[in-house]
Amino acid sequence: MNYFIIGFYALVIGASTLAAYYQKRTPFILLFSLTLVSFVMGIVGGEAMLWSVTILAGLIAFAAGVSFCFREFLILILPLHAAKEMRTAPLTAGFGLFVIFTYAISGIFAPIIAPYGEAEVISSAFAPADENMLLGADQLGRDMFSRIIYGARNTVGLALLATILAFLMGATAGLYAATKGGKEYLRYQYDYLDHRHRDYLRTAGVPAGAFGRR
């Protein structure tokens, strides 16, 4: 048994003990679960499996730290009402916002960040990753990493457009229903559109059993 294994178990068991002593229920469950899982995986896979568990736990801890810092940053810069909502948001929400922010920045500054052009052919088809191409090449010899960065523009743009359209359609339908009869009128319009949608699909040859029962 080498020093890595001894240090690993000493760290997770010590952290679990501290969490239990200070009655931190959630951290204790996470840490002791990690201890049990690593114990079983260490028996099965040995030191290599413990290294995998350590790297995975480190990545999760890094993601949690980034999420917490980004959430605190948003709390400081947002208006008071939005800051209160963000303060009660889970860390997963902060991590999701950080990913969206990173993806948006990548799309905006794609010509600066990407090492090659979006359609620039720099290698042979399906070339493996090397010091010049982080993720290798596609079927035409274009750098995959550069194309992913440029693809952020389409992804973020389409997501933003879909969100705006959904907001406009929902607001329009709500205002129209409020002036024409409220929820019952809106439900009637929904049922009408639903039946027309089914008729169109039947006309296209979709079996009736695919719609389920109403």
C-alpha atoms as a PDB file:
ATOM      1  CA  MET A   1       0.000   0.000   0.000  1.00  0.00           C
ATOM      2  CA  ASN A   2       1.612   3.259  -1.136  1.00  0.00           C
ATOM      3  CA  TYR A   3       1.347   6.774   0.231  1.00  0.00           C
ATOM      4  CA  PHE A   4      -1.356   7.788  -2.256  1.00  0.00           C
ATOM      5  CA  ILE A   5      -3.818   5.169  -1.000  1.00  0.00           C
ATOM      6  CA  ILE A   6      -3.087   6.014   2.637  1.00  0.00           C
ATOM      7  CA  GLY A   7      -3.455   9.740   1.998  1.00  0.00           C
ATOM      8  CA  PHE A   8      -6.633   9.277  -0.029  1.00  0.00           C
ATOM      9  CA  TYR A   9      -8.482   7.317   2.640  1.00  0.00           C
ATOM     10  CA  ALA A  10      -7.154   9.545   5.411  1.00  0.00           C
ATOM     11  CA  LEU A  11      -8.490  12.591   3.574  1.00  0.00           C
ATOM     12  CA  VAL A  12     -11.992  11.271   2.812  1.00  0.00           C
ATOM     13  CA  ILE A  13     -12.447   9.663   6.233  1.00  0.00           C
ATOM     14  CA  GLY A  14     -11.164  12.780   8.011  1.00  0.00           C
ATOM     15  CA  ALA A  15     -13.445  15.016   5.964  1.00  0.00           C
ATOM     16  CA  SER A  16     -16.410  12.729   6.671  1.00  0.00           C
ATOM     17  CA  THR A  17     -15.630  12.799  10.383  1.00  0.00           C
ATOM     18  CA  LEU A  18     -15.485  16.603  10.440  1.00  0.00           C
ATOM     19  CA  ALA A  19     -18.774  16.853   8.571  1.00  0.00           C
ATOM     20  CA  ALA A  20     -20.413  14.459  11.029  1.00  0.00           C
ATOM     21  CA  TYR A  21     -18.946  16.306  14.041  1.00  0.00           C
ATOM     22  CA  TYR A  22     -20.296  19.667  12.863  1.00  0.00           C
ATOM     23  CA  GLN A  23     -23.616  18.028  11.907  1.00  0.00           C
ATOM     24  CA  LYS A  24     -23.388  18.944   8.220  1.00  0.00           C
ATOM     25  CA  ARG A  25     -25.781  16.329   6.919  1.00  0.00           C
ATOM     26  CA  THR A  26     -25.465  16.808   3.159  1.00  0.00           C
ATOM     27  CA  PRO A  27     -21.638  17.078   3.067  1.00  0.00           C
ATOM     28  CA  PHE A  28     -21.396  14.052   5.355  1.00  0.00           C
ATOM     29  CA  ILE A  29     -23.606  11.950   3.084  1.00  0.00           C
ATOM     30  CA  LEU A  30     -21.602  12.970   0.022  1.00  0.00           C
ATOM     31  CA  LEU A  31     -18.207  12.422   1.632  1.00  0.00           C
ATOM     32  CA  PHE A  32     -19.033   9.115   3.288  1.00  0.00           C
ATOM     33  CA  SER A  33     -20.703   7.863   0.109  1.00  0.00           C
ATOM     34  CA  LEU A  34     -17.473   8.736  -1.699  1.00  0.00           C
ATOM     35  CA  THR A  35     -15.561   6.823   0.960  1.00  0.00           C
ATOM     36  CA  LEU A  36     -17.679   3.694   0.539  1.00  0.00           C
ATOM     37  CA  VAL A  37     -17.654   3.852  -3.261  1.00  0.00           C
ATOM     38  CA  SER A  38     -13.886   4.381  -3.379  1.00  0.00           C
ATOM     39  CA  PHE A  39     -13.376   1.513  -0.925  1.00  0.00           C
ATOM     40  CA  VAL A  40     -15.305  -0.910  -3.133  1.00  0.00           C
ATOM     41  CA  MET A  41     -13.727   0.371  -6.338  1.00  0.00           C
ATOM     42  CA  GLY A  42     -10.278   0.214  -4.752  1.00  0.00           C
ATOM     43  CA  ILE A  43     -10.790  -3.456  -3.939  1.00  0.00           C
ATOM     44  CA  VAL A  44     -12.019  -4.193  -7.450  1.00  0.00           C
ATOM     45  CA  GLY A  45      -9.697  -2.002  -9.526  1.00  0.00           C
ATOM     46  CA  GLY A  46      -6.787  -1.186  -7.254  1.00  0.00           C
ATOM     47  CA  GLU A  47      -4.807   2.045  -7.322  1.00  0.00           C
ATOM     48  CA  ALA A  48      -5.776   2.920 -10.914  1.00  0.00           C
ATOM     49  CA  MET A  49      -9.452   2.964  -9.968  1.00  0.00           C
ATOM     50  CA  LEU A  50      -8.716   5.143  -6.947  1.00  0.00           C
ATOM     51  CA  TRP A  51      -6.952   7.628  -9.214  1.00  0.00           C
ATOM     52  CA  SER A  52     -10.073   7.718 -11.384  1.00  0.00           C
ATOM     53  CA  VAL A  53     -12.271   8.364  -8.347  1.00  0.00           C
ATOM     54  CA  THR A  54      -9.899  11.115  -7.184  1.00  0.00           C
ATOM     55  CA  ILE A  55      -9.922  12.853 -10.558  1.00  0.00           C
ATOM     56  CA  LEU A  56     -13.708  12.616 -10.790  1.00  0.00           C
ATOM     57  CA  ALA A  57     -14.162  13.972  -7.260  1.00  0.00           C
ATOM     58  CA  GLY A  58     -11.740  16.790  -8.061  1.00  0.00           C
ATOM     59  CA  LEU A  59     -13.683  17.729 -11.183  1.00  0.00           C
ATOM     60  CA  ILE A  60     -16.952  17.750  -9.241  1.00  0.00           C
ATOM     61  CA  ALA A  61     -15.405  19.888  -6.500  1.00  0.00           C
ATOM     62  CA  PHE A  62     -14.011  22.268  -9.129  1.00  0.00           C
ATOM     63  CA  ALA A  63     -17.429  22.558 -10.796  1.00  0.00           C
ATOM     64  CA  ALA A  64     -19.071  23.213  -7.424  1.00  0.00           C
ATOM     65  CA  GLY A  65     -16.519  25.914  -6.603  1.00  0.00           C
ATOM     66  CA  VAL A  66     -16.968  27.613  -9.973  1.00  0.00           C
ATOM     67  CA  SER A  67     -20.749  27.463  -9.567  1.00  0.00           C
ATOM     68  CA  PHE A  68     -20.619  29.010  -6.098  1.00  0.00           C
ATOM     69  CA  CYS A  69     -18.254  31.826  -7.156  1.00  0.00           C
ATOM     70  CA  PHE A  70     -20.255  32.634 -10.287  1.00  0.00           C
ATOM     71  CA  ARG A  71     -23.507  32.668  -8.308  1.00  0.00           C
ATOM     72  CA  GLU A  72     -22.007  35.040  -5.738  1.00  0.00           C
ATOM     73  CA  PHE A  73     -20.734  37.252  -8.564  1.00  0.00           C
ATOM     74  CA  LEU A  74     -24.234  37.442 -10.064  1.00  0.00           C
ATOM     75  CA  ILE A  75     -25.699  38.265  -6.640  1.00  0.00           C
ATOM     76  CA  LEU A  76     -23.362  41.254  -6.382  1.00  0.00           C
ATOM     77  CA  ILE A  77     -24.077  42.703  -9.829  1.00  0.00           C
ATOM     78  CA  LEU A  78     -27.781  41.917 -10.278  1.00  0.00           C
ATOM     79  CA  PRO A  79     -30.632  44.150  -9.051  1.00  0.00           C
ATOM     80  CA  LEU A  80     -31.987  43.507  -5.581  1.00  0.00           C
ATOM     81  CA  HIS A  81     -34.987  41.380  -6.598  1.00  0.00           C
ATOM     82  CA  ALA A  82     -32.989  39.240  -9.015  1.00  0.00           C
ATOM     83  CA  ALA A  83     -30.195  38.905  -6.436  1.00  0.00           C
ATOM     84  CA  LYS A  84     -32.658  37.482  -3.894  1.00  0.00           C
ATOM     85  CA  GLU A  85     -33.819  34.904  -6.405  1.00  0.00           C
ATOM     86  CA  MET A  86     -30.250  34.001  -7.289  1.00  0.00           C
ATOM     87  CA  ARG A  87     -29.275  33.647  -3.631  1.00  0.00           C
ATOM     88  CA  THR A  88     -31.803  30.833  -3.180  1.00  0.00           C
ATOM     89  CA  ALA A  89     -30.924  29.145  -6.483  1.00  0.00           C
ATOM     90  CA  PRO A  90     -29.085  25.791  -6.293  1.00  0.00           C
ATOM     91  CA  LEU A  91     -25.465  25.425  -7.332  1.00  0.00           C
ATOM     92  CA  THR A  92     -26.551  23.517 -10.428  1.00  0.00           C
ATOM     93  CA  ALA A  93     -28.316  26.672 -11.640  1.00  0.00           C
ATOM     94  CA  GLY A  94     -25.133  28.670 -11.136  1.00  0.00           C
ATOM     95  CA  PHE A  95     -23.128  26.083 -13.051  1.00  0.00           C
ATOM     96  CA  GLY A  96     -25.664  26.124 -15.893  1.00  0.00           C
ATOM     97  CA  LEU A  97     -25.483  29.915 -16.119  1.00  0.00           C
ATOM     98  CA  PHE A  98     -21.700  29.735 -16.141  1.00  0.00           C
ATOM     99  CA  VAL A  99     -21.757  27.234 -19.016  1.00  0.00           C
ATOM    100  CA  ILE A 100     -24.175  29.446 -20.971  1.00  0.00           C
ATOM    101  CA  PHE A 101     -22.000  32.506 -20.294  1.00  0.00           C
ATOM    102  CA  THR A 102     -18.859  30.662 -21.434  1.00  0.00           C
ATOM    103  CA  TYR A 103     -20.582  29.364 -24.559  1.00  0.00           C
ATOM    104  CA  ALA A 104     -21.902  32.821 -25.428  1.00  0.00           C
ATOM    105  CA  ILE A 105     -18.469  34.407 -25.005  1.00  0.00           C
ATOM    106  CA  SER A 106     -16.982  31.676 -27.199  1.00  0.00           C
ATOM    107  CA  GLY A 107     -19.529  32.406 -29.913  1.00  0.00           C
ATOM    108  CA  ILE A 108     -19.092  36.181 -29.785  1.00  0.00           C
ATOM    109  CA  PHE A 109     -15.298  36.064 -29.890  1.00  0.00           C
ATOM    110  CA  ALA A 110     -15.005  32.951 -32.065  1.00  0.00           C
ATOM    111  CA  PRO A 111     -12.679  34.544 -34.661  1.00  0.00           C
ATOM    112  CA  ILE A 112     -10.259  35.444 -31.853  1.00  0.00           C
ATOM    113  CA  ILE A 113     -10.490  32.228 -29.832  1.00  0.00           C
ATOM    114  CA  ALA A 114     -10.581  29.641 -32.640  1.00  0.00           C
ATOM    115  CA  PRO A 115      -7.117  28.729 -33.932  1.00  0.00           C
ATOM    116  CA  TYR A 116      -8.430  28.154 -37.480  1.00  0.00           C
ATOM    117  CA  GLY A 117     -11.292  29.346 -39.651  1.00  0.00           C
ATOM    118  CA  GLU A 118     -14.683  27.664 -39.590  1.00  0.00           C
ATOM    119  CA  ALA A 119     -14.341  26.167 -43.085  1.00  0.00           C
ATOM    120  CA  GLU A 120     -10.547  26.112 -43.325  1.00  0.00           C
ATOM    121  CA  VAL A 121      -9.145  22.744 -44.428  1.00  0.00           C
ATOM    122  CA  ILE A 122      -5.863  22.155 -42.629  1.00  0.00           C
ATOM    123  CA  SER A 123      -5.385  18.382 -42.605  1.00  0.00           C
ATOM    124  CA  SER A 124      -6.491  15.074 -44.051  1.00  0.00           C
ATOM    125  CA  ALA A 125      -9.884  13.594 -43.327  1.00  0.00           C
ATOM    126  CA  PHE A 126     -10.384  12.274 -39.783  1.00  0.00           C
ATOM    127  CA  ALA A 127      -6.845  13.157 -38.731  1.00  0.00           C
ATOM    128  CA  PRO A 128      -6.193  12.370 -35.047  1.00  0.00           C
ATOM    129  CA  ALA A 129      -5.615  15.029 -32.415  1.00  0.00           C
ATOM    130  CA  ASP A 130      -2.113  16.468 -32.234  1.00  0.00           C
ATOM    131  CA  GLU A 131      -0.328  19.624 -31.077  1.00  0.00           C
ATOM    132  CA  ASN A 132      -2.082  21.667 -33.784  1.00  0.00           C
ATOM    133  CA  MET A 133      -5.592  20.183 -33.553  1.00  0.00           C
ATOM    134  CA  LEU A 134      -6.937  19.671 -30.061  1.00  0.00           C
ATOM    135  CA  LEU A 135      -9.829  17.411 -31.132  1.00  0.00           C
ATOM    136  CA  GLY A 136      -8.612  16.214 -34.506  1.00  0.00           C
ATOM    137  CA  ALA A 137     -10.171  16.813 -37.919  1.00  0.00           C
ATOM    138  CA  ASP A 138     -13.563  16.058 -39.438  1.00  0.00           C
ATOM    139  CA  GLN A 139     -14.380  14.257 -42.706  1.00  0.00           C
ATOM    140  CA  LEU A 140     -13.109  17.205 -44.756  1.00  0.00           C
ATOM    141  CA  GLY A 141      -9.956  17.904 -42.755  1.00  0.00           C
ATOM    142  CA  ARG A 142     -11.298  20.892 -40.816  1.00  0.00           C
ATOM    143  CA  ASP A 143     -10.325  21.497 -37.203  1.00  0.00           C
ATOM    144  CA  MET A 144     -13.076  20.138 -34.934  1.00  0.00           C
ATOM    145  CA  PHE A 145     -12.229  22.428 -32.023  1.00  0.00           C
ATOM    146  CA  SER A 146     -12.549  25.535 -34.187  1.00  0.00           C
ATOM    147  CA  ARG A 147     -15.835  24.336 -35.642  1.00  0.00           C
ATOM    148  CA  ILE A 148     -17.260  23.718 -32.156  1.00  0.00           C
ATOM    149  CA  ILE A 149     -16.365  27.273 -31.136  1.00  0.00           C
ATOM    150  CA  TYR A 150     -17.940  28.720 -34.269  1.00  0.00           C
ATOM    151  CA  GLY A 151     -20.944  26.443 -33.752  1.00  0.00           C
ATOM    152  CA  ALA A 152     -21.641  28.244 -30.476  1.00  0.00           C
ATOM    153  CA  ARG A 153     -22.945  31.136 -32.540  1.00  0.00           C
ATOM    154  CA  ASN A 154     -25.671  29.012 -34.101  1.00  0.00           C
ATOM    155  CA  THR A 155     -26.503  27.242 -30.833  1.00  0.00           C
ATOM    156  CA  VAL A 156     -26.813  30.388 -28.725  1.00  0.00           C
ATOM    157  CA  GLY A 157     -28.564  32.289 -31.511  1.00  0.00           C
ATOM    158  CA  LEU A 158     -31.185  29.592 -32.097  1.00  0.00           C
ATOM    159  CA  ALA A 159     -31.773  29.140 -28.359  1.00  0.00           C
ATOM    160  CA  LEU A 160     -32.239  32.894 -27.908  1.00  0.00           C
ATOM    161  CA  LEU A 161     -34.577  33.080 -30.891  1.00  0.00           C
ATOM    162  CA  ALA A 162     -36.652  30.143 -29.625  1.00  0.00           C
ATOM    163  CA  THR A 163     -36.917  31.740 -26.171  1.00  0.00           C
ATOM    164  CA  ILE A 164     -38.033  35.078 -27.633  1.00  0.00           C
ATOM    165  CA  LEU A 165     -40.619  33.393 -29.875  1.00  0.00           C
ATOM    166  CA  ALA A 166     -41.975  31.324 -26.977  1.00  0.00           C
ATOM    167  CA  PHE A 167     -42.268  34.441 -24.832  1.00  0.00           C
ATOM    168  CA  LEU A 168     -44.021  36.420 -27.550  1.00  0.00           C
ATOM    169  CA  MET A 169     -46.419  33.596 -28.407  1.00  0.00           C
ATOM    170  CA  GLY A 170     -47.239  32.920 -24.765  1.00  0.00           C
ATOM    171  CA  ALA A 171     -47.741  36.602 -23.957  1.00  0.00           C
ATOM    172  CA  THR A 172     -49.899  37.109 -27.042  1.00  0.00           C
ATOM    173  CA  ALA A 173     -52.045  34.064 -26.309  1.00  0.00           C
ATOM    174  CA  GLY A 174     -52.462  35.115 -22.669  1.00  0.00           C
ATOM    175  CA  LEU A 175     -53.467  38.656 -23.514  1.00  0.00           C
ATOM    176  CA  TYR A 176     -55.833  37.482 -26.228  1.00  0.00           C
ATOM    177  CA  ALA A 177     -57.473  34.958 -23.917  1.00  0.00           C
ATOM    178  CA  ALA A 178     -57.797  37.577 -21.180  1.00  0.00           C
ATOM    179  CA  THR A 179     -59.701  39.907 -23.507  1.00  0.00           C
ATOM    180  CA  LYS A 180     -61.816  37.200 -25.177  1.00  0.00           C
ATOM    181  CA  GLY A 181     -62.961  35.003 -22.364  1.00  0.00           C
ATOM    182  CA  GLY A 182     -60.128  33.764 -20.166  1.00  0.00           C
ATOM    183  CA  LYS A 183     -58.947  30.191 -19.627  1.00  0.00           C
ATOM    184  CA  GLU A 184     -61.967  28.469 -21.168  1.00  0.00           C
ATOM    185  CA  TYR A 185     -61.490  30.324 -24.441  1.00  0.00           C
ATOM    186  CA  LEU A 186     -57.774  29.523 -24.461  1.00  0.00           C
ATOM    187  CA  ARG A 187     -58.510  25.858 -23.793  1.00  0.00           C
ATOM    188  CA  TYR A 188     -61.024  25.827 -26.647  1.00  0.00           C
ATOM    189  CA  GLN A 189     -58.426  27.281 -29.012  1.00  0.00           C
ATOM    190  CA  TYR A 190     -55.852  24.735 -27.859  1.00  0.00           C
ATOM    191  CA  ASP A 191     -58.243  21.835 -28.436  1.00  0.00           C
ATOM    192  CA  TYR A 192     -59.098  23.202 -31.878  1.00  0.00           C
ATOM    193  CA  LEU A 193     -55.421  23.447 -32.860  1.00  0.00           C
ATOM    194  CA  ASP A 194     -54.733  20.002 -31.397  1.00  0.00           C
ATOM    195  CA  HIS A 195     -57.478  18.405 -33.495  1.00  0.00           C
ATOM    196  CA  ARG A 196     -56.288  20.167 -36.627  1.00  0.00           C
ATOM    197  CA  HIS A 197     -52.743  18.977 -35.903  1.00  0.00           C
ATOM    198  CA  ARG A 198     -53.986  15.383 -35.628  1.00  0.00           C
ATOM    199  CA  ASP A 199     -55.900  15.731 -38.892  1.00  0.00           C
ATOM    200  CA  TYR A 200     -52.787  16.898 -40.672  1.00  0.00           C
ATOM    201  CA  LEU A 201     -50.765  13.984 -39.308  1.00  0.00           C
ATOM    202  CA  ARG A 202     -53.451  11.484 -40.358  1.00  0.00           C
ATOM    203  CA  THR A 203     -53.426  13.011 -43.813  1.00  0.00           C
ATOM    204  CA  ALA A 204     -49.670  12.425 -43.887  1.00  0.00           C
ATOM    205  CA  GLY A 205     -50.230   8.735 -43.115  1.00  0.00           C
ATOM    206  CA  VAL A 206     -49.400   8.628 -39.401  1.00  0.00           C
ATOM    207  CA  PRO A 207     -51.388   5.804 -37.693  1.00  0.00           C
ATOM    208  CA  ALA A 208     -54.185   6.952 -35.442  1.00  0.00           C
ATOM    209  CA  GLY A 209     -52.885   4.815 -32.553  1.00  0.00           C
ATOM    210  CA  ALA A 210     -49.767   6.994 -32.380  1.00  0.00           C
ATOM    211  CA  PHE A 211     -51.819   9.819 -30.838  1.00  0.00           C
ATOM    212  CA  GLY A 212     -52.972   7.901 -27.778  1.00  0.00           C
ATOM    213  CA  ARG A 213     -56.416   8.275 -26.285  1.00  0.00           C
ATOM    214  CA  ARG A 214     -58.146  11.392 -25.174  1.00  0.00           C
END
